[in-house]
N, C-alpha and C. Protein backbone atom coordinates (compact mmCIF):
# COMPACT_ATOMS: atom_id res chain seq x y z
N UNK A 1 -20.13 135.38 115.80
CA UNK A 1 -20.44 134.56 117.13
C UNK A 1 -20.75 133.33 116.44
N UNK A 2 -19.94 132.42 117.32
CA UNK A 2 -20.00 130.73 116.90
C UNK A 2 -21.28 130.25 117.20
N UNK A 3 -22.02 129.43 116.35
CA UNK A 3 -23.61 128.94 116.79
C UNK A 3 -23.33 127.77 117.72
N UNK A 4 -24.32 127.71 118.35
CA UNK A 4 -24.36 126.56 119.32
C UNK A 4 -24.46 125.46 118.70
N UNK A 5 -24.15 124.25 119.58
CA UNK A 5 -24.13 122.80 118.93
C UNK A 5 -25.67 122.33 118.59
N UNK A 6 -26.49 122.87 119.45
CA UNK A 6 -27.98 122.71 119.48
C UNK A 6 -28.50 123.57 118.12
N UNK A 7 -28.15 124.66 117.89
CA UNK A 7 -28.60 125.42 116.96
C UNK A 7 -27.91 124.81 115.76
N UNK A 8 -26.76 124.52 115.51
CA UNK A 8 -26.07 123.88 114.38
C UNK A 8 -26.99 122.51 114.00
N UNK A 9 -27.21 121.73 115.15
CA UNK A 9 -27.84 120.49 114.76
C UNK A 9 -29.26 120.69 114.17
N UNK A 10 -30.11 121.80 114.64
CA UNK A 10 -31.31 122.00 113.94
C UNK A 10 -31.27 122.46 112.77
N UNK A 11 -30.29 123.53 112.36
CA UNK A 11 -30.17 124.32 111.23
C UNK A 11 -29.40 123.40 110.07
N UNK A 12 -28.97 122.42 110.52
CA UNK A 12 -28.00 121.60 109.41
C UNK A 12 -29.06 120.70 108.58
N UNK A 13 -30.13 120.50 108.92
CA UNK A 13 -31.05 119.74 107.99
C UNK A 13 -31.12 120.22 106.90
N UNK A 14 -30.64 119.43 105.68
CA UNK A 14 -30.96 119.87 104.48
C UNK A 14 -32.10 119.57 103.94
N UNK A 15 -32.53 120.63 102.93
CA UNK A 15 -33.96 120.43 102.31
C UNK A 15 -34.93 120.99 103.25
N UNK A 16 -34.74 121.32 104.21
CA UNK A 16 -35.81 122.15 105.09
C UNK A 16 -35.84 123.66 104.88
N UNK A 17 -36.98 124.33 104.66
CA UNK A 17 -37.01 125.63 104.32
C UNK A 17 -36.90 126.13 105.91
N UNK A 18 -36.52 127.44 105.59
CA UNK A 18 -36.29 128.24 106.95
C UNK A 18 -37.19 128.20 108.09
N UNK A 19 -38.50 128.58 107.66
CA UNK A 19 -39.57 128.59 108.50
C UNK A 19 -39.83 127.31 108.91
N UNK A 20 -39.55 126.13 108.44
CA UNK A 20 -39.94 124.73 108.85
C UNK A 20 -38.88 124.40 110.11
N UNK A 21 -37.65 124.66 109.62
CA UNK A 21 -36.41 124.43 110.76
C UNK A 21 -36.88 125.51 111.87
N UNK A 22 -37.17 126.66 111.52
CA UNK A 22 -37.43 127.73 112.77
C UNK A 22 -38.51 126.89 113.75
N UNK A 23 -39.68 126.46 113.21
CA UNK A 23 -40.56 125.91 113.82
C UNK A 23 -40.30 124.63 114.71
N UNK A 24 -39.19 123.76 114.29
CA UNK A 24 -38.72 122.68 114.97
C UNK A 24 -37.85 123.20 115.94
N UNK A 25 -37.26 124.31 115.91
CA UNK A 25 -36.30 124.74 116.86
C UNK A 25 -37.15 125.44 117.89
N UNK A 26 -38.51 126.14 117.46
CA UNK A 26 -39.24 126.86 118.43
C UNK A 26 -39.94 125.92 119.28
N UNK A 27 -40.14 124.76 118.87
CA UNK A 27 -40.72 123.65 119.70
C UNK A 27 -39.69 123.24 120.57
N UNK A 28 -38.62 123.02 120.19
CA UNK A 28 -37.52 122.66 121.21
C UNK A 28 -37.30 123.60 122.21
N UNK A 29 -36.92 124.75 121.96
CA UNK A 29 -36.81 125.79 122.97
C UNK A 29 -38.12 126.15 123.75
N UNK A 30 -39.24 126.02 123.25
CA UNK A 30 -40.39 126.02 124.02
C UNK A 30 -40.50 125.10 125.14
N UNK A 31 -39.80 123.84 124.83
CA UNK A 31 -39.95 122.86 125.93
C UNK A 31 -38.92 123.17 126.98
N UNK A 32 -37.75 123.74 126.44
CA UNK A 32 -36.75 124.17 127.54
C UNK A 32 -37.29 125.35 128.19
N UNK A 33 -38.01 126.31 127.71
CA UNK A 33 -38.78 127.12 128.56
C UNK A 33 -39.47 126.69 129.47
N UNK A 34 -40.20 125.98 129.18
CA UNK A 34 -41.37 125.06 129.90
C UNK A 34 -40.61 124.47 131.38
N UNK A 35 -39.62 123.91 130.94
CA UNK A 35 -38.71 123.30 132.18
C UNK A 35 -38.03 124.41 133.09
N UNK A 36 -37.50 125.56 132.37
CA UNK A 36 -37.00 126.59 133.11
C UNK A 36 -38.03 127.09 134.04
N UNK A 37 -39.08 127.45 133.47
CA UNK A 37 -40.17 128.13 134.14
C UNK A 37 -40.82 127.48 135.23
N UNK A 38 -41.00 125.95 134.89
CA UNK A 38 -41.35 125.14 135.90
C UNK A 38 -40.46 124.96 137.34
N UNK A 39 -39.22 125.05 136.86
CA UNK A 39 -38.05 125.20 137.82
C UNK A 39 -38.00 126.49 138.65
N UNK A 40 -38.35 127.53 138.08
CA UNK A 40 -38.60 129.07 138.77
C UNK A 40 -39.81 128.67 139.70
N UNK A 41 -40.87 128.16 139.30
CA UNK A 41 -42.01 128.03 140.16
C UNK A 41 -41.60 127.11 141.30
N UNK A 42 -41.07 125.99 141.15
CA UNK A 42 -40.48 125.04 142.05
C UNK A 42 -39.80 125.72 143.30
N UNK A 43 -38.88 126.57 142.64
CA UNK A 43 -38.08 127.25 143.81
C UNK A 43 -38.83 128.22 144.49
N UNK A 44 -39.40 129.08 143.79
CA UNK A 44 -40.30 130.27 144.44
C UNK A 44 -41.48 129.72 145.35
N UNK A 45 -42.10 128.63 144.74
CA UNK A 45 -43.15 128.04 145.94
C UNK A 45 -42.70 127.66 147.19
N UNK A 46 -41.36 127.45 147.40
CA UNK A 46 -40.80 127.13 148.70
C UNK A 46 -40.69 128.35 149.58
N UNK A 47 -40.78 129.53 149.01
CA UNK A 47 -40.77 130.69 149.75
C UNK A 47 -41.67 131.67 149.90
N UNK A 48 -42.66 131.62 148.70
CA UNK A 48 -43.72 132.57 148.74
C UNK A 48 -45.08 131.85 148.46
N UNK A 49 -46.23 132.25 148.33
CA UNK A 49 -47.70 131.62 148.14
C UNK A 49 -47.58 131.35 146.59
N UNK A 50 -48.17 130.18 146.46
CA UNK A 50 -48.29 129.55 145.08
C UNK A 50 -48.64 130.58 143.93
N UNK A 51 -49.77 131.40 144.24
CA UNK A 51 -50.23 132.18 143.29
C UNK A 51 -49.32 133.29 142.68
N UNK A 52 -48.62 133.74 143.72
CA UNK A 52 -47.40 134.65 143.35
C UNK A 52 -46.36 133.93 142.66
N UNK A 53 -46.00 132.80 143.25
CA UNK A 53 -44.87 132.11 142.54
C UNK A 53 -45.11 131.63 140.94
N UNK A 54 -46.56 131.32 140.90
CA UNK A 54 -47.06 131.13 139.56
C UNK A 54 -46.87 132.11 138.63
N UNK A 55 -47.43 133.19 139.14
CA UNK A 55 -47.52 134.61 138.52
C UNK A 55 -46.12 135.00 137.98
N UNK A 56 -45.02 135.01 139.05
CA UNK A 56 -43.96 135.34 138.65
C UNK A 56 -43.16 134.42 137.86
N UNK A 57 -43.25 133.14 137.78
CA UNK A 57 -42.64 132.38 136.89
C UNK A 57 -43.27 132.17 135.65
N UNK A 58 -44.47 132.65 135.16
CA UNK A 58 -45.21 132.84 134.22
C UNK A 58 -44.67 133.95 133.52
N UNK A 59 -44.64 135.02 134.04
CA UNK A 59 -44.17 136.51 133.61
C UNK A 59 -42.63 136.16 133.17
N UNK A 60 -41.89 135.52 133.91
CA UNK A 60 -40.40 135.20 133.54
C UNK A 60 -40.39 134.30 132.47
N UNK A 61 -41.24 133.44 132.25
CA UNK A 61 -41.44 132.53 131.21
C UNK A 61 -41.75 133.37 129.79
N UNK A 62 -42.36 134.14 130.00
CA UNK A 62 -42.53 135.09 128.84
C UNK A 62 -41.41 135.65 128.07
N UNK A 63 -40.65 136.42 129.04
CA UNK A 63 -39.50 137.00 128.85
C UNK A 63 -38.31 136.05 128.38
N UNK A 64 -38.16 134.86 129.13
CA UNK A 64 -37.19 133.79 128.63
C UNK A 64 -37.63 133.45 127.24
N UNK A 65 -38.76 133.23 126.98
CA UNK A 65 -39.27 132.95 125.64
C UNK A 65 -38.88 133.80 124.60
N UNK A 66 -39.12 135.01 124.95
CA UNK A 66 -38.59 136.14 123.77
C UNK A 66 -37.10 136.14 123.71
N UNK A 67 -36.23 135.91 124.75
CA UNK A 67 -34.67 135.73 124.63
C UNK A 67 -34.50 134.46 123.72
N UNK A 68 -35.14 133.39 124.21
CA UNK A 68 -34.71 132.02 123.45
C UNK A 68 -35.15 132.26 121.92
N UNK A 69 -36.42 132.74 121.63
CA UNK A 69 -36.90 132.84 120.41
C UNK A 69 -36.17 133.87 119.35
N UNK A 70 -35.92 134.94 120.05
CA UNK A 70 -35.12 135.98 119.31
C UNK A 70 -33.79 135.59 119.05
N UNK A 71 -32.98 134.90 119.88
CA UNK A 71 -31.69 134.65 119.90
C UNK A 71 -31.36 133.56 118.98
N UNK A 72 -32.16 132.35 119.13
CA UNK A 72 -31.77 130.98 118.83
C UNK A 72 -32.81 130.37 117.53
N UNK A 73 -34.03 130.91 117.80
CA UNK A 73 -34.95 130.58 116.76
C UNK A 73 -35.11 131.29 115.54
N UNK A 74 -35.18 132.79 115.83
CA UNK A 74 -35.19 133.68 114.54
C UNK A 74 -34.08 134.34 114.36
N UNK A 75 -33.00 134.25 115.21
CA UNK A 75 -31.64 134.73 114.86
C UNK A 75 -31.53 136.23 114.67
N UNK A 76 -32.32 136.78 115.60
CA UNK A 76 -32.56 138.39 115.67
C UNK A 76 -31.85 138.95 116.91
N UNK A 77 -31.68 140.18 116.72
CA UNK A 77 -31.08 141.07 117.88
C UNK A 77 -32.19 141.37 118.60
N UNK A 78 -31.75 141.36 120.06
CA UNK A 78 -32.66 141.62 121.25
C UNK A 78 -33.04 143.09 121.03
N UNK A 79 -34.03 143.36 121.10
CA UNK A 79 -34.67 144.82 121.29
C UNK A 79 -35.87 144.80 122.26
N UNK A 80 -35.42 146.02 123.06
CA UNK A 80 -36.60 146.19 124.15
C UNK A 80 -37.80 146.54 123.59
N UNK A 81 -37.95 147.17 122.35
CA UNK A 81 -39.31 147.41 122.01
C UNK A 81 -39.90 145.94 121.57
N UNK A 82 -39.37 145.24 120.93
CA UNK A 82 -39.91 143.95 120.73
C UNK A 82 -40.12 143.04 121.83
N UNK A 83 -39.34 143.16 122.91
CA UNK A 83 -39.61 142.38 124.25
C UNK A 83 -40.94 142.95 124.86
N UNK A 84 -41.11 144.23 124.86
CA UNK A 84 -42.38 144.81 125.41
C UNK A 84 -43.63 144.45 124.82
N UNK A 85 -43.38 144.09 123.38
CA UNK A 85 -44.50 143.71 122.67
C UNK A 85 -44.91 142.11 122.83
N UNK A 86 -43.94 141.50 123.13
CA UNK A 86 -43.96 140.05 123.31
C UNK A 86 -45.03 139.45 123.95
N UNK A 87 -45.52 140.08 125.24
CA UNK A 87 -46.44 139.61 125.91
C UNK A 87 -47.67 139.35 125.18
N UNK A 88 -47.95 140.37 124.28
CA UNK A 88 -49.08 140.21 123.34
C UNK A 88 -49.30 138.92 122.65
N UNK A 89 -48.13 138.11 122.55
CA UNK A 89 -48.23 136.85 121.87
C UNK A 89 -48.91 135.87 123.03
N UNK A 90 -48.50 135.99 124.15
CA UNK A 90 -49.01 134.89 125.14
C UNK A 90 -50.50 135.27 125.46
N UNK A 91 -50.84 136.62 125.47
CA UNK A 91 -52.18 137.03 125.74
C UNK A 91 -53.00 136.37 124.55
N UNK A 92 -52.74 136.44 123.18
CA UNK A 92 -53.29 136.02 122.24
C UNK A 92 -53.28 134.47 122.25
N UNK A 93 -52.44 133.83 122.82
CA UNK A 93 -52.28 132.25 123.00
C UNK A 93 -53.14 131.94 123.85
N UNK A 94 -53.44 132.70 124.89
CA UNK A 94 -54.29 132.29 125.94
C UNK A 94 -55.56 132.43 125.60
N UNK A 95 -56.16 133.37 124.85
CA UNK A 95 -57.49 133.79 124.45
C UNK A 95 -57.89 132.78 123.02
N UNK A 96 -56.92 132.39 122.22
CA UNK A 96 -57.22 131.36 121.37
C UNK A 96 -57.30 129.96 122.15
N UNK A 97 -56.64 129.74 123.00
CA UNK A 97 -56.75 128.59 123.72
C UNK A 97 -58.13 128.37 124.47
N UNK A 98 -58.35 129.53 125.09
CA UNK A 98 -59.61 129.41 125.86
C UNK A 98 -60.79 129.42 124.89
N UNK A 99 -60.91 130.06 123.95
CA UNK A 99 -61.78 130.02 122.89
C UNK A 99 -61.98 128.67 122.31
N UNK A 100 -60.92 128.28 121.96
CA UNK A 100 -60.82 126.67 121.30
C UNK A 100 -61.31 125.63 122.31
N UNK A 101 -61.04 125.97 123.50
CA UNK A 101 -61.28 124.91 124.65
C UNK A 101 -62.96 124.90 124.75
N UNK A 102 -63.60 126.19 124.73
CA UNK A 102 -64.90 126.35 124.76
C UNK A 102 -65.65 125.55 123.83
N UNK A 103 -65.00 125.72 122.50
CA UNK A 103 -65.77 125.06 121.37
C UNK A 103 -65.73 123.60 121.36
N UNK A 104 -64.35 123.06 121.72
CA UNK A 104 -64.20 121.62 121.79
C UNK A 104 -65.22 121.11 122.78
N UNK A 105 -65.05 121.63 123.96
CA UNK A 105 -65.81 120.93 125.03
C UNK A 105 -67.22 121.13 125.02
N UNK A 106 -67.67 122.36 124.70
CA UNK A 106 -69.11 122.64 124.92
C UNK A 106 -70.05 122.36 123.42
N UNK A 107 -69.37 122.56 122.36
CA UNK A 107 -70.28 122.56 121.28
C UNK A 107 -69.66 121.09 120.64
N UNK A 108 -68.49 120.88 120.59
CA UNK A 108 -68.19 119.66 120.04
C UNK A 108 -68.07 118.19 121.07
N UNK A 109 -68.20 118.57 122.24
CA UNK A 109 -68.54 117.45 123.33
C UNK A 109 -67.20 116.70 123.34
N UNK A 110 -66.09 117.26 123.25
CA UNK A 110 -64.73 116.54 123.36
C UNK A 110 -64.36 116.57 124.74
N UNK A 111 -63.84 115.61 125.19
CA UNK A 111 -63.60 115.34 126.69
C UNK A 111 -62.47 116.37 127.05
N UNK A 112 -62.86 116.99 128.51
CA UNK A 112 -62.16 118.19 128.72
C UNK A 112 -60.54 117.86 129.12
N UNK A 113 -60.39 116.38 129.04
CA UNK A 113 -58.89 116.02 129.15
C UNK A 113 -58.32 115.96 127.81
N UNK A 114 -58.94 115.40 126.94
CA UNK A 114 -58.46 115.35 125.65
C UNK A 114 -58.30 116.78 124.95
N UNK A 115 -59.32 117.76 125.24
CA UNK A 115 -59.33 118.91 124.73
C UNK A 115 -58.05 119.83 124.90
N UNK A 116 -57.55 119.58 126.13
CA UNK A 116 -56.35 120.37 126.62
C UNK A 116 -55.08 119.99 125.41
N UNK A 117 -55.29 118.76 125.44
CA UNK A 117 -53.96 118.24 124.31
C UNK A 117 -54.22 118.96 123.09
N UNK A 118 -55.43 118.98 122.81
CA UNK A 118 -55.82 119.43 121.36
C UNK A 118 -55.50 121.15 121.07
N UNK A 119 -55.72 121.80 122.38
CA UNK A 119 -55.27 123.09 122.54
C UNK A 119 -53.82 123.38 122.11
N UNK A 120 -52.95 122.50 122.82
CA UNK A 120 -51.55 122.79 122.43
C UNK A 120 -51.20 122.36 121.01
N UNK A 121 -51.89 121.29 120.41
CA UNK A 121 -51.66 121.24 119.06
C UNK A 121 -52.19 122.55 118.02
N UNK A 122 -53.20 123.14 118.58
CA UNK A 122 -53.79 124.27 117.90
C UNK A 122 -52.87 125.74 118.35
N UNK A 123 -52.62 125.83 119.41
CA UNK A 123 -51.74 127.14 119.90
C UNK A 123 -50.30 127.12 119.58
N UNK A 124 -49.69 126.16 119.48
CA UNK A 124 -48.29 125.91 119.06
C UNK A 124 -48.03 126.66 117.81
N UNK A 125 -48.67 126.28 116.72
CA UNK A 125 -48.51 126.89 115.45
C UNK A 125 -49.09 128.55 115.55
N UNK A 126 -49.89 128.82 116.19
CA UNK A 126 -50.30 129.95 116.35
C UNK A 126 -49.33 131.12 116.83
N UNK A 127 -48.83 130.31 118.12
CA UNK A 127 -47.80 131.28 119.05
C UNK A 127 -46.33 131.24 118.11
N UNK A 128 -46.18 130.19 117.33
CA UNK A 128 -44.98 130.36 116.35
C UNK A 128 -45.22 131.49 115.28
N UNK A 129 -46.30 131.50 114.84
CA UNK A 129 -46.31 132.55 113.74
C UNK A 129 -46.45 134.03 114.22
N UNK A 130 -47.06 134.15 115.55
CA UNK A 130 -47.30 135.36 116.21
C UNK A 130 -45.78 135.96 116.87
N UNK A 131 -45.15 134.82 117.26
CA UNK A 131 -43.75 135.14 117.79
C UNK A 131 -42.85 135.60 116.60
N UNK A 132 -42.97 134.83 115.71
CA UNK A 132 -42.21 135.39 114.24
C UNK A 132 -42.38 136.75 113.80
N UNK A 133 -43.85 137.09 113.92
CA UNK A 133 -44.03 138.32 113.38
C UNK A 133 -43.75 139.32 114.36
N UNK A 134 -43.63 139.18 115.61
CA UNK A 134 -43.26 140.46 116.69
C UNK A 134 -41.73 140.32 116.40
N UNK A 135 -40.99 139.15 116.36
CA UNK A 135 -39.53 139.29 116.51
C UNK A 135 -39.00 139.62 115.04
N UNK A 136 -39.75 139.26 114.05
CA UNK A 136 -38.96 139.65 112.80
C UNK A 136 -39.46 140.72 112.29
N UNK A 137 -40.89 140.74 112.50
CA UNK A 137 -41.61 142.21 111.77
C UNK A 137 -42.16 141.51 110.56
N UNK A 138 -43.06 142.52 110.07
CA UNK A 138 -43.96 142.18 109.00
C UNK A 138 -43.26 141.67 107.63
N UNK A 139 -42.34 142.43 107.21
CA UNK A 139 -41.70 142.23 105.93
C UNK A 139 -40.77 141.04 105.83
N UNK A 140 -40.33 140.43 107.07
CA UNK A 140 -39.57 139.27 107.05
C UNK A 140 -40.39 137.96 107.43
N UNK A 141 -41.54 138.08 107.49
CA UNK A 141 -42.58 136.96 108.01
C UNK A 141 -43.29 136.42 106.73
N UNK A 142 -43.11 136.78 105.53
CA UNK A 142 -44.03 136.44 104.55
C UNK A 142 -43.30 135.25 103.77
N UNK A 143 -42.47 134.47 104.24
CA UNK A 143 -41.98 133.41 103.46
C UNK A 143 -42.76 132.21 103.76
N UNK A 144 -42.81 131.14 102.73
CA UNK A 144 -43.61 130.10 102.69
C UNK A 144 -43.23 129.12 104.19
N UNK A 145 -44.34 128.60 104.77
CA UNK A 145 -43.95 127.66 105.76
C UNK A 145 -44.00 126.39 105.30
């Protein structure tokens, strides 16, 4: 299969280790996923109640993320068993973010507006590592980052 232009662009940077390249591609496709999921929400909210539209778009985003990450970031075959485990990554991301948000706002007295930005910085690397573990498996995730 011929690699896409985007994948070739990201994977052609010389001197970068595979996990570092993967992380950059992970962030890129995370942005793509966010835009796609937001688009799904915008279309759905025209026809159904916003809580349902949000829920459907969020769940869709989890599986879009699995597809993009397995196929383009980690270059693994799509597997139903891995796709079924993948929502655990987003549950973990949510719980880590919620816990960190509490610590930052309540204990460190960080502004609730700035804290949300810090949460992204904290959770993106965690989500990358968890995604890599779920998609690639234990034996293939022990490379240096």
